[in-house]
Amino acid sequence: MTRGIDYGNLMHEAMRGLIRSVMEGVAQNGLPGAHHFFITVDTGHPDMQMADWLRDRYPEEITLVVQNWFDNLVVDPDGFAITLNFGNSPEPLYIPFDAISTFVDPSVEFGLRFELQGDEDDEDEDDSFDEAPMMEDAPSEEKSGEVVSLDKFRK
């Protein structure tokens, strides 16, 4: 019996599907216009593939920049392979979609951030809300607004 709708994981799946679609488009057509990506990745993820020297330098996370030069971009259902330049040294990487913690395209102020909420060790709680995604504009700015009473619109 299910305990409820797992909105957090459903949103994560949808957001990762969006990243997959974007990366598939870039693999087929290249980066259009001024688009570029900052992708922060958990380097400790078991399916993350990277050179040992990079993992030693970035043992927890790394922010990758996909912009001017990249090569061998291949997308599969679980992640993507890409070769990026690190100090004039091309390095192949494999990034699982579920290792991504942020995906930002600053050229259009678009960003996704995946956050863990709740205690993962607490098995007694309903786990359908353990992971809740956060979507935000990148860069985020404070926005002011006016509070409008809906009573004036009621008949």
N, C-alpha and C. Protein backbone atom coordinates (compact mmCIF):
# COMPACT_ATOMS: atom_id res chain seq x y z
N MET A 1 0.84 -1.18 0.00
CA MET A 1 0.00 0.00 0.00
C MET A 1 0.88 1.24 0.00
N THR A 2 0.56 2.22 -0.85
CA THR A 2 1.34 3.44 -0.89
C THR A 2 0.83 4.40 0.17
N ARG A 3 1.74 5.22 0.65
CA ARG A 3 1.39 6.17 1.70
C ARG A 3 0.90 7.50 1.15
N GLY A 4 1.18 7.78 -0.08
CA GLY A 4 0.77 9.05 -0.64
C GLY A 4 1.50 9.29 -1.95
N ILE A 5 1.25 10.43 -2.51
CA ILE A 5 1.89 10.81 -3.76
C ILE A 5 3.26 11.37 -3.45
N ASP A 6 4.26 10.84 -4.09
CA ASP A 6 5.65 11.24 -3.85
C ASP A 6 5.99 12.43 -4.76
N TYR A 7 5.45 13.61 -4.43
CA TYR A 7 5.63 14.78 -5.27
C TYR A 7 7.09 15.17 -5.43
N GLY A 8 7.87 15.06 -4.37
CA GLY A 8 9.28 15.44 -4.45
C GLY A 8 10.02 14.65 -5.51
N ASN A 9 9.90 13.34 -5.46
CA ASN A 9 10.60 12.52 -6.44
C ASN A 9 10.01 12.67 -7.84
N LEU A 10 8.71 12.89 -7.95
CA LEU A 10 8.10 13.12 -9.25
C LEU A 10 8.62 14.42 -9.88
N MET A 11 8.77 15.46 -9.06
CA MET A 11 9.33 16.72 -9.56
C MET A 11 10.78 16.55 -9.95
N HIS A 12 11.56 15.82 -9.14
CA HIS A 12 12.96 15.58 -9.48
C HIS A 12 13.05 14.86 -10.82
N GLU A 13 12.21 13.86 -11.02
CA GLU A 13 12.21 13.10 -12.27
C GLU A 13 11.88 14.02 -13.45
N ALA A 14 10.89 14.89 -13.28
CA ALA A 14 10.52 15.82 -14.35
C ALA A 14 11.65 16.82 -14.63
N MET A 15 12.27 17.33 -13.58
CA MET A 15 13.36 18.29 -13.75
C MET A 15 14.57 17.64 -14.42
N ARG A 16 14.85 16.41 -14.04
CA ARG A 16 15.97 15.70 -14.69
C ARG A 16 15.63 15.38 -16.15
N GLY A 17 14.36 15.13 -16.43
CA GLY A 17 13.93 14.95 -17.81
C GLY A 17 14.13 16.21 -18.63
N LEU A 18 13.90 17.36 -18.03
CA LEU A 18 14.15 18.63 -18.70
C LEU A 18 15.64 18.77 -19.01
N ILE A 19 16.51 18.47 -18.05
CA ILE A 19 17.95 18.53 -18.28
C ILE A 19 18.34 17.56 -19.39
N ARG A 20 17.79 16.35 -19.36
CA ARG A 20 18.07 15.36 -20.40
C ARG A 20 17.69 15.91 -21.78
N SER A 21 16.51 16.50 -21.90
CA SER A 21 16.06 17.05 -23.19
C SER A 21 16.98 18.17 -23.66
N VAL A 22 17.37 19.05 -22.74
CA VAL A 22 18.28 20.15 -23.10
C VAL A 22 19.61 19.59 -23.60
N MET A 23 20.17 18.63 -22.87
CA MET A 23 21.47 18.07 -23.25
C MET A 23 21.37 17.29 -24.56
N GLU A 24 20.25 16.61 -24.82
CA GLU A 24 20.06 15.92 -26.10
C GLU A 24 20.06 16.93 -27.25
N GLY A 25 19.39 18.06 -27.04
CA GLY A 25 19.37 19.10 -28.06
C GLY A 25 20.76 19.66 -28.33
N VAL A 26 21.53 19.87 -27.28
CA VAL A 26 22.90 20.38 -27.43
C VAL A 26 23.77 19.34 -28.13
N ALA A 27 23.58 18.06 -27.80
CA ALA A 27 24.36 16.99 -28.45
C ALA A 27 24.08 16.96 -29.95
N GLN A 28 22.85 17.24 -30.34
CA GLN A 28 22.47 17.19 -31.76
C GLN A 28 22.83 18.46 -32.51
N ASN A 29 22.65 19.63 -31.85
CA ASN A 29 22.73 20.90 -32.56
C ASN A 29 23.77 21.88 -32.02
N GLY A 30 24.45 21.55 -30.95
CA GLY A 30 25.38 22.49 -30.33
C GLY A 30 24.64 23.48 -29.44
N LEU A 31 25.39 24.35 -28.80
CA LEU A 31 24.80 25.38 -27.94
C LEU A 31 24.32 26.55 -28.79
N PRO A 32 23.04 26.90 -28.71
CA PRO A 32 22.56 28.02 -29.50
C PRO A 32 22.87 29.37 -28.83
N GLY A 33 23.21 30.35 -29.62
CA GLY A 33 23.40 31.71 -29.12
C GLY A 33 24.36 31.81 -27.96
N ALA A 34 23.94 32.52 -26.93
CA ALA A 34 24.78 32.76 -25.75
C ALA A 34 24.54 31.72 -24.65
N HIS A 35 23.75 30.70 -24.92
CA HIS A 35 23.47 29.69 -23.90
C HIS A 35 24.76 29.02 -23.44
N HIS A 36 24.84 28.79 -22.14
CA HIS A 36 25.91 28.01 -21.54
C HIS A 36 25.41 27.53 -20.18
N PHE A 37 26.08 26.52 -19.62
CA PHE A 37 25.58 25.88 -18.41
C PHE A 37 26.64 25.83 -17.33
N PHE A 38 26.20 26.03 -16.10
CA PHE A 38 26.97 25.71 -14.91
C PHE A 38 26.25 24.53 -14.27
N ILE A 39 26.93 23.41 -14.16
CA ILE A 39 26.32 22.19 -13.64
C ILE A 39 27.12 21.73 -12.44
N THR A 40 26.51 21.75 -11.26
CA THR A 40 27.18 21.28 -10.05
C THR A 40 26.81 19.83 -9.83
N VAL A 41 27.86 19.01 -9.59
CA VAL A 41 27.70 17.57 -9.56
C VAL A 41 28.33 17.01 -8.29
N ASP A 42 27.67 16.01 -7.71
CA ASP A 42 28.20 15.26 -6.56
C ASP A 42 29.25 14.29 -7.08
N THR A 43 30.53 14.58 -6.79
CA THR A 43 31.62 13.74 -7.30
C THR A 43 31.72 12.41 -6.56
N GLY A 44 31.01 12.28 -5.44
CA GLY A 44 31.00 11.02 -4.71
C GLY A 44 29.93 10.06 -5.18
N HIS A 45 29.11 10.46 -6.13
CA HIS A 45 28.05 9.59 -6.66
C HIS A 45 28.70 8.33 -7.22
N PRO A 46 28.16 7.15 -6.92
CA PRO A 46 28.80 5.90 -7.35
C PRO A 46 28.93 5.73 -8.87
N ASP A 47 28.06 6.38 -9.65
CA ASP A 47 28.13 6.23 -11.11
C ASP A 47 28.85 7.39 -11.80
N MET A 48 29.33 8.35 -11.01
CA MET A 48 30.09 9.47 -11.58
C MET A 48 31.44 8.97 -12.05
N GLN A 49 31.79 9.26 -13.29
CA GLN A 49 33.08 8.84 -13.83
C GLN A 49 33.92 10.07 -14.16
N MET A 50 35.12 10.12 -13.57
CA MET A 50 36.04 11.22 -13.81
C MET A 50 37.45 10.77 -13.49
N ALA A 51 38.42 11.50 -13.98
CA ALA A 51 39.82 11.18 -13.72
C ALA A 51 40.11 11.23 -12.22
N ASP A 52 40.99 10.36 -11.76
CA ASP A 52 41.35 10.32 -10.34
C ASP A 52 41.87 11.66 -9.83
N TRP A 53 42.67 12.36 -10.64
CA TRP A 53 43.23 13.63 -10.19
C TRP A 53 42.13 14.67 -9.98
N LEU A 54 41.07 14.61 -10.81
CA LEU A 54 39.93 15.53 -10.62
C LEU A 54 39.16 15.17 -9.36
N ARG A 55 38.95 13.88 -9.14
CA ARG A 55 38.22 13.45 -7.94
C ARG A 55 39.01 13.81 -6.67
N ASP A 56 40.34 13.69 -6.73
CA ASP A 56 41.17 14.09 -5.59
C ASP A 56 41.06 15.59 -5.33
N ARG A 57 41.00 16.37 -6.40
CA ARG A 57 40.90 17.82 -6.26
C ARG A 57 39.50 18.27 -5.83
N TYR A 58 38.47 17.54 -6.26
CA TYR A 58 37.08 17.86 -5.96
C TYR A 58 36.39 16.63 -5.35
N PRO A 59 36.69 16.31 -4.10
CA PRO A 59 36.19 15.06 -3.51
C PRO A 59 34.69 15.06 -3.20
N GLU A 60 34.06 16.23 -3.12
CA GLU A 60 32.64 16.28 -2.78
C GLU A 60 31.77 16.74 -3.94
N GLU A 61 32.14 17.86 -4.56
CA GLU A 61 31.36 18.36 -5.68
C GLU A 61 32.24 19.19 -6.59
N ILE A 62 31.79 19.32 -7.82
CA ILE A 62 32.48 20.14 -8.82
C ILE A 62 31.42 20.87 -9.62
N THR A 63 31.72 22.11 -10.00
CA THR A 63 30.83 22.84 -10.90
C THR A 63 31.48 22.86 -12.27
N LEU A 64 30.81 22.26 -13.23
CA LEU A 64 31.30 22.16 -14.59
C LEU A 64 30.72 23.29 -15.42
N VAL A 65 31.51 23.80 -16.34
CA VAL A 65 31.06 24.85 -17.24
C VAL A 65 31.04 24.27 -18.65
N VAL A 66 29.85 24.27 -19.24
CA VAL A 66 29.69 23.81 -20.62
C VAL A 66 29.42 25.07 -21.43
N GLN A 67 30.46 25.53 -22.15
CA GLN A 67 30.31 26.80 -22.84
C GLN A 67 31.05 26.82 -24.17
N ASN A 68 32.28 27.27 -24.16
CA ASN A 68 33.00 27.49 -25.42
C ASN A 68 33.49 26.21 -26.07
N TRP A 69 34.05 25.31 -25.27
CA TRP A 69 34.60 24.08 -25.84
C TRP A 69 34.14 22.88 -25.04
N PHE A 70 33.59 21.93 -25.73
CA PHE A 70 33.27 20.62 -25.17
C PHE A 70 33.24 19.66 -26.34
N ASP A 71 33.36 18.38 -26.05
CA ASP A 71 33.41 17.40 -27.12
C ASP A 71 32.76 16.11 -26.64
N ASN A 72 32.43 15.26 -27.59
CA ASN A 72 31.94 13.91 -27.31
C ASN A 72 30.73 13.88 -26.38
N LEU A 73 29.80 14.80 -26.56
CA LEU A 73 28.59 14.82 -25.72
C LEU A 73 27.64 13.73 -26.20
N VAL A 74 27.40 12.77 -25.34
CA VAL A 74 26.50 11.66 -25.63
C VAL A 74 25.55 11.51 -24.43
N VAL A 75 24.26 11.54 -24.70
CA VAL A 75 23.25 11.49 -23.65
C VAL A 75 22.57 10.12 -23.68
N ASP A 76 22.41 9.52 -22.49
CA ASP A 76 21.64 8.28 -22.38
C ASP A 76 20.54 8.50 -21.35
N PRO A 77 19.69 7.53 -21.11
CA PRO A 77 18.57 7.76 -20.18
C PRO A 77 19.00 8.11 -18.75
N ASP A 78 20.20 7.71 -18.34
CA ASP A 78 20.62 7.92 -16.96
C ASP A 78 21.58 9.07 -16.75
N GLY A 79 22.18 9.60 -17.81
CA GLY A 79 23.15 10.67 -17.66
C GLY A 79 23.76 11.03 -19.00
N PHE A 80 24.93 11.70 -18.94
CA PHE A 80 25.59 12.06 -20.18
C PHE A 80 27.09 12.00 -20.02
N ALA A 81 27.74 11.66 -21.13
CA ALA A 81 29.20 11.67 -21.23
C ALA A 81 29.58 12.95 -21.95
N ILE A 82 30.68 13.55 -21.52
CA ILE A 82 31.16 14.78 -22.14
C ILE A 82 32.65 14.88 -21.88
N THR A 83 33.37 15.48 -22.81
CA THR A 83 34.78 15.79 -22.60
C THR A 83 34.88 17.30 -22.41
N LEU A 84 35.47 17.71 -21.29
CA LEU A 84 35.66 19.12 -20.98
C LEU A 84 37.15 19.40 -20.80
N ASN A 85 37.51 20.66 -20.93
CA ASN A 85 38.89 21.09 -20.83
C ASN A 85 39.19 21.59 -19.42
N PHE A 86 40.16 20.97 -18.76
CA PHE A 86 40.61 21.38 -17.43
C PHE A 86 42.06 21.80 -17.54
N GLY A 87 42.31 23.11 -17.61
CA GLY A 87 43.68 23.59 -17.71
C GLY A 87 44.40 23.06 -18.93
N ASN A 88 43.77 23.15 -20.10
CA ASN A 88 44.32 22.65 -21.36
C ASN A 88 44.52 21.15 -21.38
N SER A 89 43.78 20.45 -20.53
CA SER A 89 43.82 18.99 -20.51
C SER A 89 42.40 18.46 -20.72
N PRO A 90 42.07 17.96 -21.91
CA PRO A 90 40.73 17.41 -22.14
C PRO A 90 40.52 16.16 -21.29
N GLU A 91 39.40 16.14 -20.56
CA GLU A 91 39.09 15.01 -19.67
C GLU A 91 37.68 14.51 -19.94
N PRO A 92 37.53 13.21 -20.19
CA PRO A 92 36.18 12.65 -20.35
C PRO A 92 35.51 12.48 -18.98
N LEU A 93 34.23 12.74 -18.95
CA LEU A 93 33.42 12.61 -17.74
C LEU A 93 32.14 11.87 -18.08
N TYR A 94 31.57 11.20 -17.08
CA TYR A 94 30.20 10.70 -17.19
C TYR A 94 29.44 11.24 -15.99
N ILE A 95 28.37 11.98 -16.25
CA ILE A 95 27.58 12.61 -15.20
C ILE A 95 26.20 11.98 -15.16
N PRO A 96 25.88 11.22 -14.10
CA PRO A 96 24.51 10.71 -13.94
C PRO A 96 23.57 11.89 -13.63
N PHE A 97 22.38 11.87 -14.18
CA PHE A 97 21.44 12.96 -13.92
C PHE A 97 21.14 13.10 -12.44
N ASP A 98 21.10 11.97 -11.71
CA ASP A 98 20.78 12.09 -10.29
C ASP A 98 21.97 12.50 -9.43
N ALA A 99 23.14 12.78 -10.05
CA ALA A 99 24.28 13.35 -9.33
C ALA A 99 24.29 14.88 -9.43
N ILE A 100 23.41 15.44 -10.25
CA ILE A 100 23.37 16.89 -10.47
C ILE A 100 22.62 17.55 -9.31
N SER A 101 23.26 18.54 -8.69
CA SER A 101 22.58 19.30 -7.63
C SER A 101 22.10 20.66 -8.13
N THR A 102 22.78 21.25 -9.11
CA THR A 102 22.29 22.49 -9.73
C THR A 102 22.57 22.46 -11.22
N PHE A 103 21.67 23.06 -11.97
CA PHE A 103 21.81 23.23 -13.41
C PHE A 103 21.36 24.65 -13.71
N VAL A 104 22.29 25.47 -14.20
CA VAL A 104 21.99 26.89 -14.42
C VAL A 104 22.41 27.28 -15.84
N ASP A 105 21.52 28.01 -16.51
CA ASP A 105 21.84 28.66 -17.78
C ASP A 105 21.71 30.16 -17.54
N PRO A 106 22.83 30.82 -17.18
CA PRO A 106 22.75 32.24 -16.82
C PRO A 106 22.38 33.15 -17.99
N SER A 107 22.51 32.67 -19.23
CA SER A 107 22.19 33.52 -20.37
C SER A 107 20.71 33.86 -20.43
N VAL A 108 19.88 33.02 -19.83
CA VAL A 108 18.43 33.27 -19.82
C VAL A 108 17.88 33.27 -18.40
N GLU A 109 18.79 33.37 -17.41
CA GLU A 109 18.41 33.40 -16.00
C GLU A 109 17.51 32.23 -15.61
N PHE A 110 17.94 31.03 -16.01
CA PHE A 110 17.21 29.81 -15.69
C PHE A 110 18.07 28.94 -14.80
N GLY A 111 17.45 28.37 -13.76
CA GLY A 111 18.20 27.47 -12.91
C GLY A 111 17.32 26.46 -12.22
N LEU A 112 17.89 25.30 -11.97
CA LEU A 112 17.25 24.25 -11.19
C LEU A 112 18.19 23.90 -10.05
N ARG A 113 17.62 23.68 -8.89
CA ARG A 113 18.42 23.23 -7.74
C ARG A 113 17.67 22.09 -7.08
N PHE A 114 18.39 21.02 -6.84
CA PHE A 114 17.82 19.85 -6.18
C PHE A 114 18.28 19.89 -4.73
N GLU A 115 17.34 19.87 -3.79
CA GLU A 115 17.67 19.91 -2.37
C GLU A 115 17.08 18.72 -1.65
N LEU A 116 17.83 18.22 -0.70
CA LEU A 116 17.31 17.20 0.20
C LEU A 116 16.68 17.90 1.38
N GLN A 117 15.50 17.47 1.75
CA GLN A 117 14.85 18.02 2.93
C GLN A 117 14.40 16.87 3.81
N GLY A 118 14.52 17.05 5.09
CA GLY A 118 14.13 16.00 6.03
C GLY A 118 15.32 15.13 6.34
N ASP A 119 15.17 14.24 7.29
CA ASP A 119 16.24 13.36 7.75
C ASP A 119 16.11 12.03 7.04
N GLU A 120 17.08 11.67 6.21
CA GLU A 120 17.00 10.42 5.47
C GLU A 120 17.11 9.20 6.37
N ASP A 121 17.68 9.36 7.56
CA ASP A 121 17.85 8.23 8.47
C ASP A 121 16.58 7.89 9.23
N ASP A 122 15.59 8.75 9.19
CA ASP A 122 14.36 8.55 9.95
C ASP A 122 13.40 7.72 9.12
N GLU A 123 13.38 6.42 9.34
CA GLU A 123 12.56 5.51 8.56
C GLU A 123 11.09 5.54 8.97
N ASP A 124 10.78 6.07 10.16
CA ASP A 124 9.41 6.06 10.64
C ASP A 124 8.55 7.13 9.96
N GLU A 125 9.19 8.16 9.44
CA GLU A 125 8.44 9.25 8.83
C GLU A 125 8.03 8.87 7.41
N ASP A 126 7.02 9.53 6.91
CA ASP A 126 6.58 9.36 5.54
C ASP A 126 7.68 9.91 4.64
N ASP A 127 8.27 9.04 3.82
CA ASP A 127 9.40 9.47 3.02
C ASP A 127 9.00 10.10 1.69
N SER A 128 7.73 10.32 1.46
CA SER A 128 7.31 10.90 0.20
C SER A 128 7.68 12.37 0.10
N PHE A 129 8.13 12.99 1.18
CA PHE A 129 8.51 14.40 1.12
C PHE A 129 9.97 14.60 1.48
N ASP A 130 10.77 13.53 1.50
CA ASP A 130 12.18 13.67 1.86
C ASP A 130 12.94 14.57 0.90
N GLU A 131 12.68 14.44 -0.38
CA GLU A 131 13.38 15.26 -1.35
C GLU A 131 12.37 16.19 -1.99
N ALA A 132 12.62 17.48 -1.87
CA ALA A 132 11.76 18.45 -2.51
C ALA A 132 12.61 19.33 -3.40
N PRO A 133 12.29 19.40 -4.68
CA PRO A 133 13.07 20.23 -5.58
C PRO A 133 12.77 21.70 -5.37
N MET A 134 13.73 22.51 -5.71
CA MET A 134 13.52 23.93 -5.66
C MET A 134 13.87 24.49 -7.02
N MET A 135 12.95 25.19 -7.63
CA MET A 135 13.24 25.86 -8.88
C MET A 135 13.36 27.34 -8.55
N GLU A 136 14.37 27.96 -9.15
CA GLU A 136 14.54 29.37 -8.88
C GLU A 136 15.15 30.03 -10.09
N ASP A 137 15.01 31.34 -10.17
CA ASP A 137 15.68 32.09 -11.21
C ASP A 137 17.15 32.18 -10.85
N ALA A 138 17.99 32.18 -11.83
CA ALA A 138 19.42 32.33 -11.58
C ALA A 138 19.90 33.53 -12.38
N PRO A 139 20.46 34.59 -11.87
CA PRO A 139 20.61 34.74 -10.42
C PRO A 139 19.31 35.14 -9.77
N SER A 140 19.11 34.75 -8.54
CA SER A 140 17.87 35.11 -7.87
C SER A 140 17.97 36.55 -7.40
N GLU A 141 16.89 37.24 -7.53
CA GLU A 141 16.81 38.63 -7.09
C GLU A 141 15.60 38.75 -6.18
N GLU A 142 15.69 39.70 -5.26
CA GLU A 142 14.51 39.94 -4.43
C GLU A 142 13.48 40.63 -5.28
N LYS A 143 12.27 40.19 -5.19
CA LYS A 143 11.20 40.78 -5.96
C LYS A 143 10.19 41.36 -4.99
N SER A 144 9.77 42.56 -5.28
CA SER A 144 8.75 43.16 -4.44
C SER A 144 7.43 43.08 -5.18
N GLY A 145 6.38 43.10 -4.44
CA GLY A 145 5.07 43.00 -5.06
C GLY A 145 4.02 43.69 -4.21
N GLU A 146 2.85 43.71 -4.72
CA GLU A 146 1.74 44.34 -4.04
C GLU A 146 0.78 43.26 -3.58
N VAL A 147 0.30 43.37 -2.37
CA VAL A 147 -0.68 42.43 -1.86
C VAL A 147 -2.05 42.91 -2.33
N VAL A 148 -2.77 42.02 -2.99
CA VAL A 148 -4.08 42.37 -3.52
C VAL A 148 -5.12 41.53 -2.80
N SER A 149 -6.15 42.16 -2.31
CA SER A 149 -7.24 41.44 -1.68
C SER A 149 -8.16 40.89 -2.76
N LEU A 150 -8.46 39.60 -2.65
CA LEU A 150 -9.35 38.97 -3.63
C LEU A 150 -10.81 39.31 -3.39
N ASP A 151 -11.12 39.89 -2.23
CA ASP A 151 -12.51 40.20 -1.91
C ASP A 151 -13.13 41.17 -2.94
N LYS A 152 -12.35 42.07 -3.48
CA LYS A 152 -12.93 43.03 -4.43
C LYS A 152 -13.31 42.38 -5.75
N PHE A 153 -12.83 41.13 -6.00
CA PHE A 153 -13.16 40.43 -7.23
C PHE A 153 -14.33 39.47 -7.05
N ARG A 154 -14.79 39.30 -5.82
CA ARG A 154 -15.90 38.38 -5.56
C ARG A 154 -17.23 39.03 -5.91
N LYS A 155 -18.16 38.22 -6.35
CA LYS A 155 -19.48 38.76 -6.70
C LYS A 155 -20.43 38.57 -5.57
